[in-house]
Amino acid sequence: MIENIKEYYFFVFSIILTLLLSLIGFFYAFSKSVPLNTISRNIFYEDVVTMINLNNDKNKKMLNEDDISHFLLVGLMSFNSKSIAVVKDKRSSKYYQLVVGDKFYGAKVITVRKNKITIKFNNKIIEINKKSR
């Protein structure tokens, strides 16, 4: 009888400990948010990555359709239920963060997907595809 009670207490203790550790892990997983400016700059396998904020870019100009082909979708991040695409300008090696609804040099970002982003430019739908390795 005493052995069964010890096994019972050990079983209850292990279940309570497991639940406690699960709750602590759940709390840490969802309470920590990572600001965009603290993301490692080597996340996209480039040596030097300069992220450009579209609102602060001094060289902002309207693009034409040929200029769109110089942009490449490099990566995709998701923060606070927003999909953020990272696009690289192949000519100047600048990186841009794009979210749905952003104005990107006269083109509006419509969708951000895993392998492409879709933008509307002069009433035409244009896709920027992901970089092939």
Protein backbone atom coordinates (compact mmCIF):
# COMPACT_ATOMS: atom_id res chain seq x y z
CA MET A 1 0.00 0.00 0.00
CA ILE A 2 2.78 2.45 0.88
CA GLU A 3 4.66 1.70 -2.34
CA ASN A 4 1.57 2.55 -4.39
CA ILE A 5 1.21 5.89 -2.61
CA LYS A 6 4.86 6.75 -3.34
CA GLU A 7 4.40 5.87 -7.01
CA TYR A 8 1.20 7.91 -7.11
CA TYR A 9 2.90 10.98 -5.60
CA PHE A 10 5.85 10.62 -7.96
CA PHE A 11 3.47 10.39 -10.92
CA VAL A 12 1.50 13.48 -9.81
CA PHE A 13 4.74 15.39 -9.14
CA SER A 14 6.11 14.57 -12.61
CA ILE A 15 2.87 15.69 -14.30
CA ILE A 16 2.82 18.97 -12.36
CA LEU A 17 6.49 19.59 -13.17
CA THR A 18 5.89 18.89 -16.87
CA LEU A 19 2.93 21.29 -16.98
CA LEU A 20 4.91 23.97 -15.16
CA LEU A 21 7.84 23.71 -17.57
CA SER A 22 5.44 23.77 -20.54
CA LEU A 23 3.80 26.94 -19.24
CA ILE A 24 7.16 28.62 -18.70
CA GLY A 25 8.24 27.70 -22.24
CA PHE A 26 4.93 28.92 -23.66
CA PHE A 27 5.31 32.23 -21.80
CA TYR A 28 8.84 32.81 -23.09
CA ALA A 29 7.92 31.82 -26.64
CA PHE A 30 5.13 34.36 -26.94
CA SER A 31 6.27 37.17 -24.66
CA LYS A 32 9.54 37.94 -26.42
CA SER A 33 9.19 40.06 -29.54
CA VAL A 34 12.17 40.85 -31.71
CA PRO A 35 12.37 44.40 -33.09
CA LEU A 36 13.31 44.56 -36.76
CA ASN A 37 16.42 46.62 -36.10
CA THR A 38 17.95 43.84 -33.97
CA ILE A 39 17.80 41.13 -36.61
CA SER A 40 21.16 39.70 -37.55
CA ARG A 41 22.35 41.34 -40.73
CA ASN A 42 23.86 38.07 -41.98
CA ILE A 43 20.50 36.34 -42.05
CA PHE A 44 20.45 36.38 -45.85
CA TYR A 45 23.99 35.08 -46.36
CA GLU A 46 25.43 38.40 -47.49
CA ASP A 47 28.55 39.99 -46.06
CA VAL A 48 27.27 43.54 -45.70
CA VAL A 49 23.54 44.15 -45.71
CA THR A 50 22.13 47.64 -45.52
CA MET A 51 18.40 47.75 -44.95
CA ILE A 52 16.76 50.79 -46.48
CA ASN A 53 13.59 52.24 -45.01
CA LEU A 54 11.40 53.35 -47.92
CA ASN A 55 10.36 56.49 -46.07
CA ASN A 56 13.98 57.58 -45.54
CA ASP A 57 15.52 56.65 -48.90
CA LYS A 58 17.03 59.82 -50.39
CA ASN A 59 17.22 58.40 -53.92
CA LYS A 60 13.48 57.74 -54.18
CA LYS A 61 12.27 57.97 -57.77
CA MET A 62 9.59 56.47 -59.95
CA LEU A 63 10.56 53.19 -61.57
CA ASN A 64 9.74 52.00 -65.04
CA GLU A 65 9.02 48.37 -65.95
CA ASP A 66 12.66 47.68 -66.90
CA ASP A 67 13.85 48.81 -63.47
CA ILE A 68 11.59 46.28 -61.73
CA SER A 69 13.63 43.43 -63.25
CA HIS A 70 16.66 44.59 -61.23
CA PHE A 71 14.97 43.65 -57.96
CA LEU A 72 15.18 40.20 -56.41
CA LEU A 73 13.19 38.67 -53.55
CA VAL A 74 15.84 37.51 -51.10
CA GLY A 75 13.92 36.41 -48.04
CA LEU A 76 10.70 36.42 -46.12
CA MET A 77 10.16 37.13 -42.43
CA SER A 78 6.99 37.06 -40.36
CA PHE A 79 6.52 39.30 -37.33
CA ASN A 80 3.28 40.00 -35.48
CA SER A 81 1.22 38.30 -38.22
CA LYS A 82 2.75 40.50 -40.93
CA SER A 83 4.75 39.02 -43.78
CA ILE A 84 7.78 41.14 -44.54
CA ALA A 85 9.61 40.59 -47.80
CA VAL A 86 13.25 41.55 -48.16
CA VAL A 87 14.04 42.70 -51.69
CA LYS A 88 17.51 43.39 -53.08
CA ASP A 89 18.36 45.92 -55.75
CA LYS A 90 20.96 44.08 -57.86
CA ARG A 91 22.49 47.32 -59.16
CA SER A 92 23.16 49.13 -55.90
CA SER A 93 23.10 46.15 -53.49
CA LYS A 94 20.51 47.88 -51.31
CA TYR A 95 17.97 45.85 -49.37
CA TYR A 96 14.36 46.91 -48.84
CA GLN A 97 11.72 45.69 -46.39
CA LEU A 98 8.30 45.50 -48.05
CA VAL A 99 4.93 44.85 -46.45
CA VAL A 100 1.55 44.56 -48.17
CA GLY A 101 0.26 48.07 -48.88
CA ASP A 102 3.69 49.73 -49.10
CA LYS A 103 4.41 52.09 -51.97
CA PHE A 104 7.62 50.91 -53.60
CA TYR A 105 8.93 53.63 -55.93
CA GLY A 106 5.50 54.24 -57.42
CA ALA A 107 4.40 50.59 -57.36
CA LYS A 108 2.04 49.26 -54.67
CA VAL A 109 2.80 45.94 -52.97
CA ILE A 110 -0.28 43.71 -53.31
CA THR A 111 0.78 40.31 -51.94
CA VAL A 112 3.80 38.86 -50.19
CA ARG A 113 4.12 35.11 -50.67
CA LYS A 114 6.78 32.48 -50.02
CA ASN A 115 8.41 32.56 -53.47
CA LYS A 116 7.29 35.91 -54.90
CA ILE A 117 5.81 39.28 -54.18
CA THR A 118 3.22 40.87 -56.42
CA ILE A 119 3.17 44.60 -57.08
CA LYS A 120 0.86 46.80 -59.11
CA PHE A 121 2.66 49.24 -61.38
CA ASN A 122 0.84 51.45 -63.92
CA ASN A 123 -2.26 49.21 -63.69
CA LYS A 124 -0.12 46.15 -64.50
CA ILE A 125 0.57 43.27 -62.13
CA ILE A 126 4.30 42.51 -61.87
CA GLU A 127 5.92 39.73 -59.84
CA ILE A 128 9.34 39.78 -58.22
CA ASN A 129 10.53 36.21 -57.83
CA LYS A 130 12.76 34.63 -55.22
CA LYS A 131 16.49 34.34 -55.83
CA SER A 132 17.50 30.98 -57.26
CA ARG A 133 20.55 29.34 -55.73
